Amino acid sequence: MKHLILAALLVAATLALSEEPVIEDVTVTRTGTDTYRFAVTIRHPDTGWDHYADGWRVLNMEGEELGMRVLFHPHVNEQPFTRSLDGVVIPRGTVQVQVQARDLPAGWNSGTTIVDLP
């Protein structure tokens, strides 16, 4: 019986650690001719310094990084949470970008959220 309980606890811990950050919302504001402000809302089961959503980035549609926001601490008791990044330079004529989230220890999400620019 002890082995079954231990196995169930290990499976639950593994599932919690494998959950990717979810981008719930992205608000984009044009701040200049070719600069933008991104406000990104993320939900993630942060558990502390060993497992938390630790960043997000803006990519062009070819996957090149245009800007990155590092999240310096866990948000265990603040879910979902929104953080902003100002001054993202986006080439003229661009109509869509991608936003990708990251967590510690897994790294970048496998997928991205596509966002239309204003």
PDB file of N, CA and C in Angstrom:
ATOM      1  N   MET A   1       0.822  -1.196   0.000  1.00  0.00           N
ATOM      2  CA  MET A   1       0.000   0.000   0.000  1.00  0.00           C
ATOM      3  C   MET A   1       0.868   1.264   0.000  1.00  0.00           C
ATOM      4  N   LYS A   2       1.963   1.231   0.779  1.00  0.00           N
ATOM      5  CA  LYS A   2       2.865   2.381   0.821  1.00  0.00           C
ATOM      6  C   LYS A   2       3.443   2.679  -0.555  1.00  0.00           C
ATOM      7  N   HIS A   3       3.721   1.615  -1.313  1.00  0.00           N
ATOM      8  CA  HIS A   3       4.279   1.800  -2.653  1.00  0.00           C
ATOM      9  C   HIS A   3       3.274   2.468  -3.593  1.00  0.00           C
ATOM     10  N   LEU A   4       2.005   2.114  -3.459  1.00  0.00           N
ATOM     11  CA  LEU A   4       0.975   2.725  -4.295  1.00  0.00           C
ATOM     12  C   LEU A   4       0.813   4.207  -3.980  1.00  0.00           C
ATOM     13  N   ILE A   5       0.853   4.555  -2.714  1.00  0.00           N
ATOM     14  CA  ILE A   5       0.734   5.962  -2.307  1.00  0.00           C
ATOM     15  C   ILE A   5       1.931   6.750  -2.813  1.00  0.00           C
ATOM     16  N   LEU A   6       3.127   6.196  -2.646  1.00  0.00           N
ATOM     17  CA  LEU A   6       4.339   6.866  -3.128  1.00  0.00           C
ATOM     18  C   LEU A   6       4.299   7.049  -4.642  1.00  0.00           C
ATOM     19  N   ALA A   7       3.857   6.030  -5.359  1.00  0.00           N
ATOM     20  CA  ALA A   7       3.767   6.124  -6.820  1.00  0.00           C
ATOM     21  C   ALA A   7       2.765   7.199  -7.230  1.00  0.00           C
ATOM     22  N   ALA A   8       1.624   7.265  -6.546  1.00  0.00           N
ATOM     23  CA  ALA A   8       0.615   8.284  -6.863  1.00  0.00           C
ATOM     24  C   ALA A   8       1.165   9.684  -6.604  1.00  0.00           C
ATOM     25  N   LEU A   9       1.896   9.870  -5.531  1.00  0.00           N
ATOM     26  CA  LEU A   9       2.496  11.171  -5.232  1.00  0.00           C
ATOM     27  C   LEU A   9       3.533  11.558  -6.279  1.00  0.00           C
ATOM     28  N   LEU A  10       4.326  10.620  -6.720  1.00  0.00           N
ATOM     29  CA  LEU A  10       5.331  10.900  -7.750  1.00  0.00           C
ATOM     30  C   LEU A  10       4.677  11.273  -9.075  1.00  0.00           C
ATOM     31  N   VAL A  11       3.598  10.588  -9.440  1.00  0.00           N
ATOM     32  CA  VAL A  11       2.886  10.919 -10.675  1.00  0.00           C
ATOM     33  C   VAL A  11       2.294  12.322 -10.579  1.00  0.00           C
ATOM     34  N   ALA A  12       1.691  12.656  -9.449  1.00  0.00           N
ATOM     35  CA  ALA A  12       1.101  13.990  -9.269  1.00  0.00           C
ATOM     36  C   ALA A  12       2.172  15.068  -9.349  1.00  0.00           C
ATOM     37  N   ALA A  13       3.316  14.845  -8.743  1.00  0.00           N
ATOM     38  CA  ALA A  13       4.408  15.825  -8.786  1.00  0.00           C
ATOM     39  C   ALA A  13       4.933  15.986 -10.201  1.00  0.00           C
ATOM     40  N   THR A  14       5.063  14.894 -10.933  1.00  0.00           N
ATOM     41  CA  THR A  14       5.544  14.954 -12.311  1.00  0.00           C
ATOM     42  C   THR A  14       4.566  15.716 -13.201  1.00  0.00           C
ATOM     43  N   LEU A  15       3.272  15.475 -13.032  1.00  0.00           N
ATOM     44  CA  LEU A  15       2.272  16.195 -13.823  1.00  0.00           C
ATOM     45  C   LEU A  15       2.304  17.683 -13.526  1.00  0.00           C
ATOM     46  N   ALA A  16       2.448  18.053 -12.264  1.00  0.00           N
ATOM     47  CA  ALA A  16       2.506  19.474 -11.901  1.00  0.00           C
ATOM     48  C   ALA A  16       3.732  20.134 -12.523  1.00  0.00           C
ATOM     49  N   LEU A  17       4.859  19.434 -12.522  1.00  0.00           N
ATOM     50  CA  LEU A  17       6.079  20.006 -13.077  1.00  0.00           C
ATOM     51  C   LEU A  17       6.048  20.067 -14.603  1.00  0.00           C
ATOM     52  N   SER A  18       5.211  19.242 -15.237  1.00  0.00           N
ATOM     53  CA  SER A  18       5.194  19.222 -16.692  1.00  0.00           C
ATOM     54  C   SER A  18       4.190  20.215 -17.272  1.00  0.00           C
ATOM     55  N   GLU A  19       3.409  20.881 -16.444  1.00  0.00           N
ATOM     56  CA  GLU A  19       2.405  21.805 -16.938  1.00  0.00           C
ATOM     57  C   GLU A  19       3.058  23.086 -17.438  1.00  0.00           C
ATOM     58  N   GLU A  20       2.811  23.404 -18.720  1.00  0.00           N
ATOM     59  CA  GLU A  20       3.399  24.599 -19.319  1.00  0.00           C
ATOM     60  C   GLU A  20       2.650  25.854 -18.875  1.00  0.00           C
ATOM     61  N   PRO A  21       3.325  26.996 -18.898  1.00  0.00           N
ATOM     62  CA  PRO A  21       2.624  28.253 -18.650  1.00  0.00           C
ATOM     63  C   PRO A  21       1.592  28.486 -19.754  1.00  0.00           C
ATOM     64  N   VAL A  22       0.433  28.989 -19.376  1.00  0.00           N
ATOM     65  CA  VAL A  22      -0.632  29.267 -20.334  1.00  0.00           C
ATOM     66  C   VAL A  22      -0.745  30.777 -20.511  1.00  0.00           C
ATOM     67  N   ILE A  23      -0.639  31.238 -21.742  1.00  0.00           N
ATOM     68  CA  ILE A  23      -0.845  32.653 -22.044  1.00  0.00           C
ATOM     69  C   ILE A  23      -2.344  32.864 -22.169  1.00  0.00           C
ATOM     70  N   GLU A  24      -2.915  33.589 -21.213  1.00  0.00           N
ATOM     71  CA  GLU A  24      -4.366  33.811 -21.197  1.00  0.00           C
ATOM     72  C   GLU A  24      -4.791  35.054 -21.969  1.00  0.00           C
ATOM     73  N   ASP A  25      -3.905  36.049 -22.052  1.00  0.00           N
ATOM     74  CA  ASP A  25      -4.268  37.282 -22.745  1.00  0.00           C
ATOM     75  C   ASP A  25      -3.002  38.030 -23.150  1.00  0.00           C
ATOM     76  N   VAL A  26      -3.085  38.713 -24.271  1.00  0.00           N
ATOM     77  CA  VAL A  26      -2.009  39.599 -24.722  1.00  0.00           C
ATOM     78  C   VAL A  26      -2.657  40.892 -25.200  1.00  0.00           C
ATOM     79  N   THR A  27      -2.231  42.012 -24.617  1.00  0.00           N
ATOM     80  CA  THR A  27      -2.695  43.324 -25.047  1.00  0.00           C
ATOM     81  C   THR A  27      -1.503  44.049 -25.657  1.00  0.00           C
ATOM     82  N   VAL A  28      -1.677  44.539 -26.876  1.00  0.00           N
ATOM     83  CA  VAL A  28      -0.600  45.224 -27.592  1.00  0.00           C
ATOM     84  C   VAL A  28      -1.026  46.663 -27.837  1.00  0.00           C
ATOM     85  N   THR A  29      -0.126  47.585 -27.498  1.00  0.00           N
ATOM     86  CA  THR A  29      -0.372  49.006 -27.717  1.00  0.00           C
ATOM     87  C   THR A  29       0.775  49.577 -28.522  1.00  0.00           C
ATOM     88  N   ARG A  30       0.451  50.284 -29.591  1.00  0.00           N
ATOM     89  CA  ARG A  30       1.496  50.956 -30.371  1.00  0.00           C
ATOM     90  C   ARG A  30       1.933  52.186 -29.588  1.00  0.00           C
ATOM     91  N   THR A  31       3.255  52.338 -29.383  1.00  0.00           N
ATOM     92  CA  THR A  31       3.776  53.456 -28.597  1.00  0.00           C
ATOM     93  C   THR A  31       4.621  54.419 -29.420  1.00  0.00           C
ATOM     94  N   GLY A  32       4.903  54.062 -30.658  1.00  0.00           N
ATOM     95  CA  GLY A  32       5.706  54.902 -31.548  1.00  0.00           C
ATOM     96  C   GLY A  32       5.550  54.408 -32.969  1.00  0.00           C
ATOM     97  N   THR A  33       6.357  54.947 -33.860  1.00  0.00           N
ATOM     98  CA  THR A  33       6.274  54.557 -35.268  1.00  0.00           C
ATOM     99  C   THR A  33       6.446  53.054 -35.444  1.00  0.00           C
ATOM    100  N   ASP A  34       7.432  52.480 -34.758  1.00  0.00           N
ATOM    101  CA  ASP A  34       7.687  51.048 -34.883  1.00  0.00           C
ATOM    102  C   ASP A  34       7.894  50.376 -33.527  1.00  0.00           C
ATOM    103  N   THR A  35       7.413  51.005 -32.450  1.00  0.00           N
ATOM    104  CA  THR A  35       7.559  50.420 -31.121  1.00  0.00           C
ATOM    105  C   THR A  35       6.191  50.104 -30.509  1.00  0.00           C
ATOM    106  N   TYR A  36       6.200  49.062 -29.687  1.00  0.00           N
ATOM    107  CA  TYR A  36       4.972  48.551 -29.090  1.00  0.00           C
ATOM    108  C   TYR A  36       5.206  48.190 -27.623  1.00  0.00           C
ATOM    109  N   ARG A  37       4.094  48.192 -26.883  1.00  0.00           N
ATOM    110  CA  ARG A  37       4.072  47.724 -25.490  1.00  0.00           C
ATOM    111  C   ARG A  37       3.208  46.469 -25.455  1.00  0.00           C
ATOM    112  N   PHE A  38       3.741  45.402 -24.856  1.00  0.00           N
ATOM    113  CA  PHE A  38       3.025  44.141 -24.716  1.00  0.00           C
ATOM    114  C   PHE A  38       2.717  43.911 -23.247  1.00  0.00           C
ATOM    115  N   ALA A  39       1.470  43.608 -22.929  1.00  0.00           N
ATOM    116  CA  ALA A  39       1.051  43.192 -21.593  1.00  0.00           C
ATOM    117  C   ALA A  39       0.538  41.762 -21.727  1.00  0.00           C
ATOM    118  N   VAL A  40       1.220  40.832 -21.065  1.00  0.00           N
ATOM    119  CA  VAL A  40       0.930  39.410 -21.226  1.00  0.00           C
ATOM    120  C   VAL A  40       0.455  38.844 -19.889  1.00  0.00           C
ATOM    121  N   THR A  41      -0.685  38.170 -19.926  1.00  0.00           N
ATOM    122  CA  THR A  41      -1.238  37.513 -18.745  1.00  0.00           C
ATOM    123  C   THR A  41      -0.953  36.022 -18.857  1.00  0.00           C
ATOM    124  N   ILE A  42      -0.322  35.480 -17.800  1.00  0.00           N
ATOM    125  CA  ILE A  42       0.090  34.071 -17.772  1.00  0.00           C
ATOM    126  C   ILE A  42      -0.510  33.392 -16.552  1.00  0.00           C
ATOM    127  N   ARG A  43      -0.897  32.134 -16.747  1.00  0.00           N
ATOM    128  CA  ARG A  43      -1.303  31.270 -15.639  1.00  0.00           C
ATOM    129  C   ARG A  43      -0.361  30.069 -15.632  1.00  0.00           C
ATOM    130  N   HIS A  44       0.153  29.750 -14.436  1.00  0.00           N
ATOM    131  CA  HIS A  44       1.077  28.625 -14.295  1.00  0.00           C
ATOM    132  C   HIS A  44       1.070  28.166 -12.839  1.00  0.00           C
ATOM    133  N   PRO A  45       1.116  26.866 -12.596  1.00  0.00           N
ATOM    134  CA  PRO A  45       1.105  26.382 -11.215  1.00  0.00           C
ATOM    135  C   PRO A  45       2.466  26.541 -10.532  1.00  0.00           C
ATOM    136  N   ASP A  46       2.901  27.795 -10.358  1.00  0.00           N
ATOM    137  CA  ASP A  46       4.173  28.050  -9.682  1.00  0.00           C
ATOM    138  C   ASP A  46       4.156  27.401  -8.295  1.00  0.00           C
ATOM    139  N   THR A  47       5.263  26.737  -7.964  1.00  0.00           N
ATOM    140  CA  THR A  47       5.357  26.118  -6.633  1.00  0.00           C
ATOM    141  C   THR A  47       6.461  26.735  -5.792  1.00  0.00           C
ATOM    142  N   GLY A  48       7.282  27.579  -6.381  1.00  0.00           N
ATOM    143  CA  GLY A  48       8.407  28.191  -5.668  1.00  0.00           C
ATOM    144  C   GLY A  48       9.573  28.379  -6.613  1.00  0.00           C
ATOM    145  N   TRP A  49      10.743  28.610  -6.030  1.00  0.00           N
ATOM    146  CA  TRP A  49      11.931  28.947  -6.815  1.00  0.00           C
ATOM    147  C   TRP A  49      12.400  27.842  -7.754  1.00  0.00           C
ATOM    148  N   ASP A  50      12.017  26.596  -7.506  1.00  0.00           N
ATOM    149  CA  ASP A  50      12.438  25.491  -8.374  1.00  0.00           C
ATOM    150  C   ASP A  50      11.500  25.255  -9.547  1.00  0.00           C
ATOM    151  N   HIS A  51      10.307  25.868  -9.507  1.00  0.00           N
ATOM    152  CA  HIS A  51       9.339  25.649 -10.580  1.00  0.00           C
ATOM    153  C   HIS A  51       8.404  26.839 -10.678  1.00  0.00           C
ATOM    154  N   TYR A  52       8.664  27.695 -11.672  1.00  0.00           N
ATOM    155  CA  TYR A  52       7.796  28.855 -11.883  1.00  0.00           C
ATOM    156  C   TYR A  52       7.943  29.373 -13.310  1.00  0.00           C
ATOM    157  N   ALA A  53       6.920  30.122 -13.765  1.00  0.00           N
ATOM    158  CA  ALA A  53       6.986  30.775 -15.067  1.00  0.00           C
ATOM    159  C   ALA A  53       8.019  31.886 -14.951  1.00  0.00           C
ATOM    160  N   ASP A  54       9.084  31.800 -15.741  1.00  0.00           N
ATOM    161  CA  ASP A  54      10.205  32.734 -15.557  1.00  0.00           C
ATOM    162  C   ASP A  54      10.460  33.647 -16.753  1.00  0.00           C
ATOM    163  N   GLY A  55       9.519  33.672 -17.724  1.00  0.00           N
ATOM    164  CA  GLY A  55       9.702  34.615 -18.815  1.00  0.00           C
ATOM    165  C   GLY A  55       8.726  34.417 -19.956  1.00  0.00           C
ATOM    166  N   TRP A  56       8.692  35.416 -20.819  1.00  0.00           N
ATOM    167  CA  TRP A  56       7.965  35.313 -22.078  1.00  0.00           C
ATOM    168  C   TRP A  56       8.676  36.183 -23.101  1.00  0.00           C
ATOM    169  N   ARG A  57       8.425  35.888 -24.380  1.00  0.00           N
ATOM    170  CA  ARG A  57       9.090  36.652 -25.435  1.00  0.00           C
ATOM    171  C   ARG A  57       8.164  36.864 -26.615  1.00  0.00           C
ATOM    172  N   VAL A  58       8.503  37.905 -27.377  1.00  0.00           N
ATOM    173  CA  VAL A  58       7.797  38.238 -28.611  1.00  0.00           C
ATOM    174  C   VAL A  58       8.681  37.792 -29.769  1.00  0.00           C
ATOM    175  N   LEU A  59       8.097  37.055 -30.691  1.00  0.00           N
ATOM    176  CA  LEU A  59       8.813  36.541 -31.863  1.00  0.00           C
ATOM    177  C   LEU A  59       8.121  37.022 -33.124  1.00  0.00           C
ATOM    178  N   ASN A  60       8.893  37.219 -34.198  1.00  0.00           N
ATOM    179  CA  ASN A  60       8.230  37.453 -35.476  1.00  0.00           C
ATOM    180  C   ASN A  60       7.693  36.108 -35.969  1.00  0.00           C
ATOM    181  N   MET A  61       7.026  36.093 -37.092  1.00  0.00           N
ATOM    182  CA  MET A  61       6.399  34.863 -37.569  1.00  0.00           C
ATOM    183  C   MET A  61       7.420  33.843 -38.075  1.00  0.00           C
ATOM    184  N   GLU A  62       8.668  34.278 -38.235  1.00  0.00           N
ATOM    185  CA  GLU A  62       9.738  33.354 -38.611  1.00  0.00           C
ATOM    186  C   GLU A  62      10.448  32.791 -37.384  1.00  0.00           C
ATOM    187  N   GLY A  63      10.050  33.233 -36.191  1.00  0.00           N
ATOM    188  CA  GLY A  63      10.630  32.709 -34.958  1.00  0.00           C
ATOM    189  C   GLY A  63      11.799  33.497 -34.405  1.00  0.00           C
ATOM    190  N   GLU A  64      12.102  34.657 -34.987  1.00  0.00           N
ATOM    191  CA  GLU A  64      13.198  35.491 -34.484  1.00  0.00           C
ATOM    192  C   GLU A  64      12.706  36.331 -33.309  1.00  0.00           C
ATOM    193  N   GLU A  65      13.502  36.382 -32.242  1.00  0.00           N
ATOM    194  CA  GLU A  65      13.120  37.116 -31.039  1.00  0.00           C
ATOM    195  C   GLU A  65      13.181  38.624 -31.264  1.00  0.00           C
ATOM    196  N   LEU A  66      12.096  39.310 -30.898  1.00  0.00           N
ATOM    197  CA  LEU A  66      12.011  40.765 -31.001  1.00  0.00           C
ATOM    198  C   LEU A  66      12.099  41.441 -29.634  1.00  0.00           C
ATOM    199  N   GLY A  67      11.773  40.710 -28.594  1.00  0.00           N
ATOM    200  CA  GLY A  67      11.828  41.245 -27.237  1.00  0.00           C
ATOM    201  C   GLY A  67      11.560  40.136 -26.237  1.00  0.00           C
ATOM    202  N   MET A  68      12.105  40.295 -25.020  1.00  0.00           N
ATOM    203  CA  MET A  68      11.910  39.281 -23.994  1.00  0.00           C
ATOM    204  C   MET A  68      11.696  39.926 -22.638  1.00  0.00           C
ATOM    205  N   ARG A  69      10.766  39.371 -21.885  1.00  0.00           N
ATOM    206  CA  ARG A  69      10.487  39.829 -20.521  1.00  0.00           C
ATOM    207  C   ARG A  69      10.868  38.689 -19.578  1.00  0.00           C
ATOM    208  N   VAL A  70      11.869  38.935 -18.734  1.00  0.00           N
ATOM    209  CA  VAL A  70      12.287  37.961 -17.731  1.00  0.00           C
ATOM    210  C   VAL A  70      11.441  38.179 -16.485  1.00  0.00           C
ATOM    211  N   LEU A  71      10.961  37.083 -15.906  1.00  0.00           N
ATOM    212  CA  LEU A  71      10.204  37.127 -14.658  1.00  0.00           C
ATOM    213  C   LEU A  71      11.141  36.612 -13.570  1.00  0.00           C
ATOM    214  N   PHE A  72      11.475  37.476 -12.626  1.00  0.00           N
ATOM    215  CA  PHE A  72      12.560  37.207 -11.696  1.00  0.00           C
ATOM    216  C   PHE A  72      12.170  36.451 -10.435  1.00  0.00           C
ATOM    217  N   HIS A  73      10.878  36.166 -10.254  1.00  0.00           N
ATOM    218  CA  HIS A  73      10.478  35.450  -9.036  1.00  0.00           C
ATOM    219  C   HIS A  73       9.180  34.692  -9.282  1.00  0.00           C
ATOM    220  N   PRO A  74       8.893  33.683  -8.443  1.00  0.00           N
ATOM    221  CA  PRO A  74       7.642  32.928  -8.574  1.00  0.00           C
ATOM    222  C   PRO A  74       6.434  33.797  -8.232  1.00  0.00           C
ATOM    223  N   HIS A  75       5.297  33.407  -8.780  1.00  0.00           N
ATOM    224  CA  HIS A  75       4.018  34.075  -8.501  1.00  0.00           C
ATOM    225  C   HIS A  75       3.045  33.042  -7.938  1.00  0.00           C
ATOM    226  N   VAL A  76       3.459  32.400  -6.858  1.00  0.00           N
ATOM    227  CA  VAL A  76       2.692  31.308  -6.261  1.00  0.00           C
ATOM    228  C   VAL A  76       1.284  31.756  -5.881  1.00  0.00           C
ATOM    229  N   ASN A  77       1.165  32.911  -5.248  1.00  0.00           N
ATOM    230  CA  ASN A  77      -0.133  33.391  -4.756  1.00  0.00           C
ATOM    231  C   ASN A  77      -0.751  34.471  -5.638  1.00  0.00           C
ATOM    232  N   GLU A  78      -0.254  34.614  -6.853  1.00  0.00           N
ATOM    233  CA  GLU A  78      -0.769  35.626  -7.785  1.00  0.00           C
ATOM    234  C   GLU A  78      -0.991  34.955  -9.141  1.00  0.00           C
ATOM    235  N   GLN A  79      -2.131  34.342  -9.310  1.00  0.00           N
ATOM    236  CA  GLN A  79      -2.434  33.628 -10.549  1.00  0.00           C
ATOM    237  C   GLN A  79      -3.823  33.996 -11.036  1.00  0.00           C
ATOM    238  N   PRO A  80      -4.010  34.284 -12.295  1.00  0.00           N
ATOM    239  CA  PRO A  80      -2.947  34.570 -13.252  1.00  0.00           C
ATOM    240  C   PRO A  80      -2.313  35.920 -12.934  1.00  0.00           C
ATOM    241  N   PHE A  81      -1.222  36.227 -13.602  1.00  0.00           N
ATOM    242  CA  PHE A  81      -0.552  37.516 -13.400  1.00  0.00           C
ATOM    243  C   PHE A  81      -0.206  38.129 -14.743  1.00  0.00           C
ATOM    244  N   THR A  82      -0.104  39.463 -14.763  1.00  0.00           N
ATOM    245  CA  THR A  82       0.196  40.193 -15.997  1.00  0.00           C
ATOM    246  C   THR A  82       1.459  41.006 -15.800  1.00  0.00           C
ATOM    247  N   ARG A  83       2.354  40.923 -16.779  1.00  0.00           N
ATOM    248  CA  ARG A  83       3.562  41.736 -16.784  1.00  0.00           C
ATOM    249  C   ARG A  83       3.731  42.328 -18.178  1.00  0.00           C
ATOM    250  N   SER A  84       4.355  43.502 -18.221  1.00  0.00           N
ATOM    251  CA  SER A  84       4.476  44.249 -19.475  1.00  0.00           C
ATOM    252  C   SER A  84       5.917  44.373 -19.932  1.00  0.00           C
ATOM    253  N   LEU A  85       6.060  44.666 -21.212  1.00  0.00           N
ATOM    254  CA  LEU A  85       7.352  44.949 -21.821  1.00  0.00           C
ATOM    255  C   LEU A  85       7.156  46.095 -22.795  1.00  0.00           C
ATOM    256  N   ASP A  86       7.875  47.192 -22.570  1.00  0.00           N
ATOM    257  CA  ASP A  86       7.810  48.376 -23.428  1.00  0.00           C
ATOM    258  C   ASP A  86       8.962  48.395 -24.419  1.00  0.00           C
ATOM    259  N   GLY A  87       8.770  49.156 -25.491  1.00  0.00           N
ATOM    260  CA  GLY A  87       9.859  49.411 -26.427  1.00  0.00           C
ATOM    261  C   GLY A  87      10.203  48.280 -27.359  1.00  0.00           C
ATOM    262  N   VAL A  88       9.264  47.380 -27.613  1.00  0.00           N
ATOM    263  CA  VAL A  88       9.534  46.282 -28.546  1.00  0.00           C
ATOM    264  C   VAL A  88       9.475  46.848 -29.964  1.00  0.00           C
ATOM    265  N   VAL A  89      10.596  46.775 -30.664  1.00  0.00           N
ATOM    266  CA  VAL A  89      10.680  47.292 -32.034  1.00  0.00           C
ATOM    267  C   VAL A  89      10.233  46.191 -32.992  1.00  0.00           C
ATOM    268  N   ILE A  90       9.233  46.548 -33.792  1.00  0.00           N
ATOM    269  CA  ILE A  90       8.681  45.599 -34.764  1.00  0.00           C
ATOM    270  C   ILE A  90       8.774  46.238 -36.143  1.00  0.00           C
ATOM    271  N   PRO A  91       9.368  45.525 -37.087  1.00  0.00           N
ATOM    272  CA  PRO A  91       9.542  46.092 -38.425  1.00  0.00           C
ATOM    273  C   PRO A  91       8.220  46.538 -39.053  1.00  0.00           C
ATOM    274  N   ARG A  92       8.272  47.661 -39.727  1.00  0.00           N
ATOM    275  CA  ARG A  92       7.111  48.217 -40.428  1.00  0.00           C
ATOM    276  C   ARG A  92       6.558  47.177 -41.398  1.00  0.00           C
ATOM    277  N   GLY A  93       5.240  47.095 -41.468  1.00  0.00           N
ATOM    278  CA  GLY A  93       4.591  46.143 -42.354  1.00  0.00           C
ATOM    279  C   GLY A  93       4.242  44.817 -41.683  1.00  0.00           C
ATOM    280  N   THR A  94       4.751  44.586 -40.482  1.00  0.00           N
ATOM    281  CA  THR A  94       4.441  43.355 -39.750  1.00  0.00           C
ATOM    282  C   THR A  94       3.010  43.436 -39.231  1.00  0.00           C
ATOM    283  N   VAL A  95       2.226  42.399 -39.448  1.00  0.00           N
ATOM    284  CA  VAL A  95       0.827  42.418 -39.014  1.00  0.00           C
ATOM    285  C   VAL A  95       0.540  41.439 -37.880  1.00  0.00           C
ATOM    286  N   GLN A  96       1.419  40.444 -37.693  1.00  0.00           N
ATOM    287  CA  GLN A  96       1.256  39.467 -36.620  1.00  0.00           C
ATOM    288  C   GLN A  96       2.600  39.138 -36.004  1.00  0.00           C
ATOM    289  N   VAL A  97       2.569  38.790 -34.717  1.00  0.00           N
ATOM    290  CA  VAL A  97       3.738  38.277 -34.017  1.00  0.00           C
ATOM    291  C   VAL A  97       3.286  37.081 -33.183  1.00  0.00           C
ATOM    292  N   GLN A  98       4.262  36.414 -32.603  1.00  0.00           N
ATOM    293  CA  GLN A  98       3.991  35.293 -31.708  1.00  0.00           C
ATOM    294  C   GLN A  98       4.479  35.655 -30.311  1.00  0.00           C
ATOM    295  N   VAL A  99       3.789  35.150 -29.296  1.00  0.00           N
ATOM    296  CA  VAL A  99       4.251  35.294 -27.916  1.00  0.00           C
ATOM    297  C   VAL A  99       4.424  33.882 -27.367  1.00  0.00           C
ATOM    298  N   GLN A 100       5.560  33.665 -26.706  1.00  0.00           N
ATOM    299  CA  GLN A 100       5.905  32.341 -26.185  1.00  0.00           C
ATOM    300  C   GLN A 100       6.310  32.470 -24.727  1.00  0.00           C
ATOM    301  N   ALA A 101       5.804  31.588 -23.884  1.00  0.00           N
ATOM    302  CA  ALA A 101       6.113  31.601 -22.453  1.00  0.00           C
ATOM    303  C   ALA A 101       7.164  30.546 -22.120  1.00  0.00           C
ATOM    304  N   ARG A 102       7.789  30.725 -20.956  1.00  0.00           N
ATOM    305  CA  ARG A 102       8.857  29.824 -20.505  1.00  0.00           C
ATOM    306  C   ARG A 102       8.676  29.558 -19.017  1.00  0.00           C
ATOM    307  N   ASP A 103       9.093  28.364 -18.589  1.00  0.00           N
ATOM    308  CA  ASP A 103       9.130  28.106 -17.152  1.00  0.00           C
ATOM    309  C   ASP A 103      10.434  27.416 -16.776  1.00  0.00           C
ATOM    310  N   LEU A 104      10.729  27.515 -15.504  1.00  0.00           N
ATOM    311  CA  LEU A 104      11.874  26.842 -14.913  1.00  0.00           C
ATOM    312  C   LEU A 104      11.320  25.584 -14.263  1.00  0.00           C
ATOM    313  N   PRO A 105      11.763  24.426 -14.557  1.00  0.00           N
ATOM    314  CA  PRO A 105      12.981  24.057 -15.252  1.00  0.00           C
ATOM    315  C   PRO A 105      12.798  23.629 -16.706  1.00  0.00           C
ATOM    316  N   ALA A 106      11.563  23.591 -17.221  1.00  0.00           N
ATOM    317  CA  ALA A 106      11.304  22.976 -18.528  1.00  0.00           C
ATOM    318  C   ALA A 106      11.766  23.793 -19.726  1.00  0.00           C
ATOM    319  N   GLY A 107      11.787  25.126 -19.608  1.00  0.00           N
ATOM    320  CA  GLY A 107      12.198  25.947 -20.742  1.00  0.00           C
ATOM    321  C   GLY A 107      11.004  26.479 -21.519  1.00  0.00           C
ATOM    322  N   TRP A 108      11.241  26.813 -22.780  1.00  0.00           N
ATOM    323  CA  TRP A 108      10.214  27.442 -23.612  1.00  0.00           C
ATOM    324  C   TRP A 108       9.087  26.471 -23.923  1.00  0.00           C
ATOM    325  N   ASN A 109       7.851  26.995 -23.915  1.00  0.00           N
ATOM    326  CA  ASN A 109       6.689  26.210 -24.334  1.00  0.00           C
ATOM    327  C   ASN A 109       6.913  25.679 -25.735  1.00  0.00           C
ATOM    328  N   SER A 110       6.259  24.581 -26.053  1.00  0.00           N
ATOM    329  CA  SER A 110       6.359  24.035 -27.399  1.00  0.00           C
ATOM    330  C   SER A 110       5.557  24.862 -28.402  1.00  0.00           C
ATOM    331  N   GLY A 111       4.528  25.544 -27.935  1.00  0.00           N
ATOM    332  CA  GLY A 111       3.698  26.341 -28.832  1.00  0.00           C
ATOM    333  C   GLY A 111       3.787  27.828 -28.526  1.00  0.00           C
ATOM    334  N   THR A 112       3.135  28.622 -29.381  1.00  0.00           N
ATOM    335  CA  THR A 112       3.101  30.067 -29.216  1.00  0.00           C
ATOM    336  C   THR A 112       1.667  30.558 -29.357  1.00  0.00           C
ATOM    337  N   THR A 113       1.456  31.802 -28.964  1.00  0.00           N
ATOM    338  CA  THR A 113       0.171  32.479 -29.171  1.00  0.00           C
ATOM    339  C   THR A 113       0.375  33.522 -30.252  1.00  0.00           C
ATOM    340  N   ILE A 114      -0.426  33.466 -31.308  1.00  0.00           N
ATOM    341  CA  ILE A 114      -0.311  34.427 -32.404  1.00  0.00           C
ATOM    342  C   ILE A 114      -1.175  35.634 -32.084  1.00  0.00           C
ATOM    343  N   VAL A 115      -0.573  36.826 -32.273  1.00  0.00           N
ATOM    344  CA  VAL A 115      -1.230  38.069 -31.912  1.00  0.00           C
ATOM    345  C   VAL A 115      -1.244  39.001 -33.117  1.00  0.00           C
ATOM    346  N   ASP A 116      -2.418  39.587 -33.407  1.00  0.00           N
ATOM    347  CA  ASP A 116      -2.531  40.611 -34.449  1.00  0.00           C
ATOM    348  C   ASP A 116      -2.086  41.951 -33.875  1.00  0.00           C
ATOM    349  N   LEU A 117      -1.313  42.695 -34.623  1.00  0.00           N
ATOM    350  CA  LEU A 117      -0.866  44.010 -34.183  1.00  0.00           C
ATOM    351  C   LEU A 117      -1.917  45.080 -34.513  1.00  0.00           C
ATOM    352  N   PRO A 118      -2.015  46.090 -33.643  1.00  0.00           N
ATOM    353  CA  PRO A 118      -2.977  47.174 -33.911  1.00  0.00           C
ATOM    354  C   PRO A 118      -2.504  48.064 -35.062  1.00  0.00           C
TER     355      PRO A 118
END
